Amino acid sequence: MILRSVAETLPRFAYRFANEVALHEGMAQVLAEAGIEFQREVVAGPRDRFDFLVAPGIVIEAKIKGSLSQALTQIARYAARPDVTAVVLVTTRFWGSAGAKVDQLHGKPVRIIKLTGASF
């Protein structure tokens, strides 16, 4: 239910940003206005820092640079963690809508969401 809400809420808006920090600000505003509780920049270990953590264990990772394979490597590491129940990969990259068909990693649901630019 919460995973679905996150996956449906974030792409409803267009985002204005010059860097990943500004994108995070817009995403935080959207999540807060939707009533979705979250924590930002959660340090989960020496190699893992979640951009957003939504209860119960849903990680949101935002990417404005890099390749699909780089992003999948990172979120696969997150999905392998016992405290993670699902991962939402949010991107502005072309690969976010062009065949990025990953439904699960390590038996946990994955949603890949392509965002567009321009309103925050």
N, C-alpha and C. Protein backbone atom coordinates (compact mmCIF):
# COMPACT_ATOMS: atom_id res chain seq x y z
N MET A 1 0.82 -1.20 0.00
CA MET A 1 0.00 0.00 0.00
C MET A 1 0.87 1.26 0.00
N ILE A 2 1.84 1.35 0.90
CA ILE A 2 2.71 2.53 0.94
C ILE A 2 3.60 2.56 -0.30
N LEU A 3 4.12 1.41 -0.71
CA LEU A 3 4.94 1.35 -1.91
C LEU A 3 4.16 1.87 -3.11
N ARG A 4 2.95 1.44 -3.25
CA ARG A 4 2.10 1.90 -4.36
C ARG A 4 1.87 3.40 -4.29
N SER A 5 1.60 3.90 -3.11
CA SER A 5 1.37 5.33 -2.93
C SER A 5 2.60 6.15 -3.34
N VAL A 6 3.78 5.71 -2.91
CA VAL A 6 5.02 6.40 -3.28
C VAL A 6 5.21 6.36 -4.79
N ALA A 7 5.04 5.17 -5.38
CA ALA A 7 5.26 4.99 -6.81
C ALA A 7 4.27 5.77 -7.66
N GLU A 8 3.08 6.02 -7.15
CA GLU A 8 2.08 6.79 -7.89
C GLU A 8 2.19 8.29 -7.64
N THR A 9 2.65 8.68 -6.46
CA THR A 9 2.70 10.10 -6.09
C THR A 9 3.86 10.85 -6.75
N LEU A 10 5.05 10.31 -6.68
CA LEU A 10 6.23 11.04 -7.16
C LEU A 10 6.17 11.44 -8.63
N PRO A 11 5.71 10.58 -9.54
CA PRO A 11 5.72 11.00 -10.96
C PRO A 11 4.57 11.92 -11.36
N ARG A 12 3.68 12.24 -10.46
CA ARG A 12 2.57 13.15 -10.79
C ARG A 12 3.02 14.59 -10.98
N PHE A 13 4.23 14.90 -10.56
CA PHE A 13 4.71 16.28 -10.57
C PHE A 13 5.91 16.42 -11.48
N ALA A 14 6.12 17.65 -11.95
CA ALA A 14 7.34 17.98 -12.68
C ALA A 14 8.27 18.67 -11.69
N TYR A 15 9.56 18.45 -11.82
CA TYR A 15 10.53 18.94 -10.85
C TYR A 15 11.53 19.88 -11.52
N ARG A 16 11.85 20.97 -10.85
CA ARG A 16 12.89 21.88 -11.32
C ARG A 16 14.09 21.71 -10.40
N PHE A 17 15.25 21.40 -10.98
CA PHE A 17 16.43 21.16 -10.15
C PHE A 17 17.68 21.33 -11.00
N ALA A 18 18.74 21.72 -10.34
CA ALA A 18 20.05 21.84 -11.00
C ALA A 18 20.99 20.73 -10.55
N ASN A 19 20.61 20.07 -9.45
CA ASN A 19 21.45 18.99 -8.92
C ASN A 19 20.57 18.04 -8.12
N GLU A 20 21.18 16.97 -7.64
CA GLU A 20 20.41 15.95 -6.92
C GLU A 20 19.84 16.47 -5.61
N VAL A 21 20.54 17.36 -4.95
CA VAL A 21 20.05 17.93 -3.69
C VAL A 21 18.74 18.70 -3.93
N ALA A 22 18.69 19.48 -5.00
CA ALA A 22 17.47 20.22 -5.33
C ALA A 22 16.34 19.27 -5.70
N LEU A 23 16.66 18.19 -6.39
CA LEU A 23 15.63 17.18 -6.70
C LEU A 23 15.10 16.57 -5.41
N HIS A 24 15.99 16.27 -4.47
CA HIS A 24 15.56 15.73 -3.17
C HIS A 24 14.61 16.69 -2.47
N GLU A 25 14.88 17.98 -2.55
CA GLU A 25 13.99 18.97 -1.92
C GLU A 25 12.59 18.88 -2.52
N GLY A 26 12.51 18.83 -3.83
CA GLY A 26 11.20 18.71 -4.49
C GLY A 26 10.49 17.42 -4.13
N MET A 27 11.23 16.33 -4.12
CA MET A 27 10.64 15.04 -3.75
C MET A 27 10.15 15.06 -2.31
N ALA A 28 10.92 15.66 -1.41
CA ALA A 28 10.52 15.75 0.00
C ALA A 28 9.22 16.54 0.12
N GLN A 29 9.12 17.62 -0.63
CA GLN A 29 7.90 18.43 -0.59
C GLN A 29 6.69 17.63 -1.07
N VAL A 30 6.85 16.89 -2.15
CA VAL A 30 5.77 16.07 -2.69
C VAL A 30 5.36 14.99 -1.70
N LEU A 31 6.33 14.29 -1.13
CA LEU A 31 6.02 13.23 -0.17
C LEU A 31 5.32 13.79 1.06
N ALA A 32 5.81 14.91 1.58
CA ALA A 32 5.20 15.53 2.77
C ALA A 32 3.77 15.96 2.48
N GLU A 33 3.55 16.60 1.34
CA GLU A 33 2.20 17.06 1.00
C GLU A 33 1.24 15.90 0.78
N ALA A 34 1.78 14.74 0.40
CA ALA A 34 0.95 13.54 0.22
C ALA A 34 0.72 12.81 1.54
N GLY A 35 1.34 13.29 2.61
CA GLY A 35 1.17 12.66 3.92
C GLY A 35 2.00 11.39 4.09
N ILE A 36 3.02 11.22 3.27
CA ILE A 36 3.89 10.05 3.36
C ILE A 36 5.06 10.40 4.27
N GLU A 37 5.17 9.72 5.39
CA GLU A 37 6.25 9.99 6.34
C GLU A 37 7.55 9.37 5.84
N PHE A 38 8.64 10.10 6.03
CA PHE A 38 9.93 9.65 5.54
C PHE A 38 11.05 10.25 6.36
N GLN A 39 12.22 9.65 6.22
CA GLN A 39 13.47 10.19 6.76
C GLN A 39 14.38 10.42 5.56
N ARG A 40 15.25 11.42 5.66
CA ARG A 40 16.17 11.71 4.56
C ARG A 40 17.60 11.37 4.95
N GLU A 41 18.38 11.00 3.94
CA GLU A 41 19.81 10.74 4.10
C GLU A 41 20.09 9.80 5.28
N VAL A 42 19.46 8.66 5.26
CA VAL A 42 19.60 7.69 6.34
C VAL A 42 20.88 6.87 6.14
N VAL A 43 21.79 6.97 7.09
CA VAL A 43 23.02 6.18 7.05
C VAL A 43 22.69 4.79 7.58
N ALA A 44 22.79 3.80 6.70
CA ALA A 44 22.41 2.45 7.06
C ALA A 44 23.61 1.52 7.20
N GLY A 45 24.79 2.07 7.07
CA GLY A 45 26.00 1.28 7.19
C GLY A 45 27.14 2.01 6.51
N PRO A 46 28.33 1.43 6.55
CA PRO A 46 29.50 2.12 5.99
C PRO A 46 29.39 2.38 4.48
N ARG A 47 28.65 1.55 3.75
CA ARG A 47 28.52 1.72 2.30
C ARG A 47 27.14 2.19 1.88
N ASP A 48 26.20 2.24 2.79
CA ASP A 48 24.81 2.49 2.41
C ASP A 48 24.24 3.75 3.05
N ARG A 49 23.81 4.67 2.20
CA ARG A 49 23.09 5.86 2.66
C ARG A 49 21.87 6.01 1.77
N PHE A 50 20.70 5.85 2.37
CA PHE A 50 19.45 5.93 1.62
C PHE A 50 19.06 7.40 1.43
N ASP A 51 18.68 7.78 0.22
CA ASP A 51 18.22 9.15 -0.01
C ASP A 51 16.97 9.42 0.84
N PHE A 52 16.04 8.47 0.81
CA PHE A 52 14.82 8.55 1.62
C PHE A 52 14.52 7.16 2.15
N LEU A 53 13.97 7.11 3.35
CA LEU A 53 13.50 5.86 3.92
C LEU A 53 12.07 6.08 4.38
N VAL A 54 11.18 5.27 3.83
CA VAL A 54 9.77 5.33 4.16
C VAL A 54 9.45 4.04 4.92
N ALA A 55 8.72 4.15 6.02
CA ALA A 55 8.35 2.94 6.75
C ALA A 55 7.42 2.13 5.87
N PRO A 56 7.41 0.87 5.92
CA PRO A 56 8.28 -0.05 6.65
C PRO A 56 9.44 -0.56 5.78
N GLY A 57 10.54 0.13 5.78
CA GLY A 57 11.74 -0.33 5.08
C GLY A 57 11.78 -0.07 3.58
N ILE A 58 11.01 0.89 3.10
CA ILE A 58 11.02 1.22 1.67
C ILE A 58 12.07 2.30 1.43
N VAL A 59 13.05 1.98 0.60
CA VAL A 59 14.12 2.91 0.27
C VAL A 59 13.78 3.61 -1.05
N ILE A 60 13.97 4.93 -1.07
CA ILE A 60 13.84 5.69 -2.32
C ILE A 60 15.22 6.22 -2.66
N GLU A 61 15.70 5.87 -3.84
CA GLU A 61 17.01 6.31 -4.32
C GLU A 61 16.81 7.15 -5.57
N ALA A 62 17.34 8.37 -5.58
CA ALA A 62 17.21 9.28 -6.72
C ALA A 62 18.52 9.33 -7.50
N LYS A 63 18.41 9.30 -8.82
CA LYS A 63 19.58 9.35 -9.70
C LYS A 63 19.33 10.34 -10.83
N ILE A 64 20.24 11.32 -10.96
CA ILE A 64 20.16 12.22 -12.12
C ILE A 64 21.36 12.01 -13.04
N LYS A 65 22.31 11.21 -12.60
CA LYS A 65 23.50 10.89 -13.40
C LYS A 65 23.74 9.39 -13.34
N GLY A 66 24.58 8.91 -14.23
CA GLY A 66 24.98 7.52 -14.19
C GLY A 66 24.14 6.62 -15.07
N SER A 67 24.58 5.38 -15.14
CA SER A 67 23.94 4.40 -16.00
C SER A 67 22.94 3.55 -15.21
N LEU A 68 22.10 2.85 -15.96
CA LEU A 68 21.16 1.92 -15.34
C LEU A 68 21.93 0.84 -14.58
N SER A 69 22.99 0.32 -15.16
CA SER A 69 23.73 -0.75 -14.47
C SER A 69 24.33 -0.26 -13.16
N GLN A 70 24.82 0.97 -13.12
CA GLN A 70 25.35 1.53 -11.87
C GLN A 70 24.24 1.65 -10.83
N ALA A 71 23.09 2.15 -11.25
CA ALA A 71 21.96 2.32 -10.33
C ALA A 71 21.47 0.96 -9.82
N LEU A 72 21.39 -0.02 -10.72
CA LEU A 72 20.92 -1.35 -10.31
C LEU A 72 21.89 -2.01 -9.34
N THR A 73 23.18 -1.80 -9.53
CA THR A 73 24.17 -2.35 -8.59
C THR A 73 23.93 -1.78 -7.19
N GLN A 74 23.70 -0.49 -7.12
CA GLN A 74 23.47 0.16 -5.83
C GLN A 74 22.17 -0.33 -5.18
N ILE A 75 21.08 -0.33 -5.94
CA ILE A 75 19.81 -0.73 -5.32
C ILE A 75 19.76 -2.22 -5.03
N ALA A 76 20.51 -3.04 -5.77
CA ALA A 76 20.60 -4.47 -5.45
C ALA A 76 21.26 -4.66 -4.09
N ARG A 77 22.27 -3.86 -3.81
CA ARG A 77 22.93 -3.91 -2.50
C ARG A 77 21.92 -3.55 -1.41
N TYR A 78 21.12 -2.53 -1.65
CA TYR A 78 20.09 -2.15 -0.68
C TYR A 78 19.06 -3.27 -0.51
N ALA A 79 18.60 -3.83 -1.62
CA ALA A 79 17.58 -4.88 -1.56
C ALA A 79 18.07 -6.12 -0.83
N ALA A 80 19.37 -6.34 -0.82
CA ALA A 80 19.93 -7.51 -0.13
C ALA A 80 19.90 -7.35 1.39
N ARG A 81 19.68 -6.15 1.86
CA ARG A 81 19.67 -5.90 3.31
C ARG A 81 18.37 -6.44 3.93
N PRO A 82 18.45 -7.04 5.11
CA PRO A 82 17.25 -7.57 5.75
C PRO A 82 16.28 -6.49 6.23
N ASP A 83 16.77 -5.26 6.44
CA ASP A 83 15.90 -4.18 6.92
C ASP A 83 15.21 -3.43 5.79
N VAL A 84 15.46 -3.81 4.54
CA VAL A 84 14.83 -3.17 3.38
C VAL A 84 13.74 -4.10 2.86
N THR A 85 12.54 -3.55 2.67
CA THR A 85 11.42 -4.35 2.17
C THR A 85 11.11 -4.09 0.70
N ALA A 86 11.53 -2.93 0.18
CA ALA A 86 11.29 -2.58 -1.22
C ALA A 86 12.20 -1.40 -1.58
N VAL A 87 12.43 -1.22 -2.88
CA VAL A 87 13.25 -0.10 -3.34
C VAL A 87 12.53 0.61 -4.48
N VAL A 88 12.51 1.94 -4.39
CA VAL A 88 11.98 2.78 -5.47
C VAL A 88 13.17 3.55 -6.04
N LEU A 89 13.46 3.34 -7.30
CA LEU A 89 14.53 4.06 -7.98
C LEU A 89 13.89 5.17 -8.81
N VAL A 90 14.19 6.40 -8.44
CA VAL A 90 13.63 7.57 -9.11
C VAL A 90 14.74 8.19 -9.95
N THR A 91 14.46 8.43 -11.22
CA THR A 91 15.49 8.96 -12.10
C THR A 91 14.93 9.96 -13.10
N THR A 92 15.82 10.78 -13.60
CA THR A 92 15.49 11.69 -14.69
C THR A 92 16.14 11.20 -15.98
N ARG A 93 16.86 10.10 -15.90
CA ARG A 93 17.60 9.56 -17.03
C ARG A 93 16.67 8.84 -18.01
N PHE A 94 17.07 8.83 -19.27
CA PHE A 94 16.28 8.18 -20.32
C PHE A 94 15.99 6.72 -19.99
N TRP A 95 16.97 6.05 -19.40
CA TRP A 95 16.78 4.63 -19.10
C TRP A 95 15.65 4.38 -18.11
N GLY A 96 15.20 5.40 -17.43
CA GLY A 96 14.09 5.23 -16.50
C GLY A 96 12.78 4.87 -17.17
N SER A 97 12.67 5.22 -18.46
CA SER A 97 11.44 4.88 -19.19
C SER A 97 11.72 3.99 -20.39
N ALA A 98 12.97 3.72 -20.66
CA ALA A 98 13.33 2.98 -21.88
C ALA A 98 13.78 1.55 -21.56
N GLY A 99 12.86 0.74 -21.17
CA GLY A 99 13.18 -0.66 -21.00
C GLY A 99 13.78 -1.06 -19.66
N ALA A 100 13.74 -0.19 -18.68
CA ALA A 100 14.23 -0.54 -17.35
C ALA A 100 13.16 -1.39 -16.66
N LYS A 101 13.14 -2.66 -16.98
CA LYS A 101 12.08 -3.56 -16.51
C LYS A 101 12.58 -4.48 -15.40
N VAL A 102 12.74 -3.93 -14.23
CA VAL A 102 13.17 -4.72 -13.08
C VAL A 102 12.04 -4.66 -12.06
N ASP A 103 11.45 -5.80 -11.77
CA ASP A 103 10.33 -5.84 -10.82
C ASP A 103 10.76 -6.26 -9.42
N GLN A 104 11.86 -7.03 -9.34
CA GLN A 104 12.33 -7.53 -8.05
C GLN A 104 13.84 -7.65 -8.04
N LEU A 105 14.40 -7.47 -6.87
CA LEU A 105 15.81 -7.77 -6.61
C LEU A 105 15.87 -8.44 -5.25
N HIS A 106 16.54 -9.55 -5.17
CA HIS A 106 16.64 -10.31 -3.92
C HIS A 106 15.26 -10.60 -3.33
N GLY A 107 14.28 -10.85 -4.22
CA GLY A 107 12.94 -11.19 -3.79
C GLY A 107 12.12 -10.03 -3.25
N LYS A 108 12.61 -8.81 -3.43
CA LYS A 108 11.91 -7.63 -2.92
C LYS A 108 11.44 -6.76 -4.08
N PRO A 109 10.27 -6.15 -3.95
CA PRO A 109 9.74 -5.33 -5.04
C PRO A 109 10.63 -4.13 -5.35
N VAL A 110 10.74 -3.84 -6.64
CA VAL A 110 11.48 -2.68 -7.13
C VAL A 110 10.56 -1.91 -8.08
N ARG A 111 10.53 -0.61 -7.93
CA ARG A 111 9.80 0.26 -8.85
C ARG A 111 10.79 1.26 -9.42
N ILE A 112 10.80 1.41 -10.74
CA ILE A 112 11.65 2.40 -11.39
C ILE A 112 10.73 3.48 -11.94
N ILE A 113 10.98 4.71 -11.51
CA ILE A 113 10.11 5.83 -11.86
C ILE A 113 10.92 6.89 -12.60
N LYS A 114 10.42 7.29 -13.76
CA LYS A 114 11.05 8.36 -14.54
C LYS A 114 10.33 9.66 -14.22
N LEU A 115 11.09 10.65 -13.76
CA LEU A 115 10.53 11.97 -13.47
C LEU A 115 10.80 12.92 -14.62
N THR A 116 9.98 13.96 -14.69
CA THR A 116 10.21 15.02 -15.67
C THR A 116 10.59 16.29 -14.94
N GLY A 117 11.18 17.23 -15.66
CA GLY A 117 11.61 18.48 -15.04
C GLY A 117 10.53 19.54 -15.09
N ALA A 118 10.57 20.51 -14.19
CA ALA A 118 10.01 21.87 -14.25
C ALA A 118 9.08 22.46 -13.22
N SER A 119 8.73 21.96 -12.09
CA SER A 119 7.82 22.78 -11.28
C SER A 119 8.23 23.15 -9.87
N PHE A 120 9.27 22.60 -9.34
CA PHE A 120 9.68 22.99 -7.99
C PHE A 120 10.92 23.83 -8.05
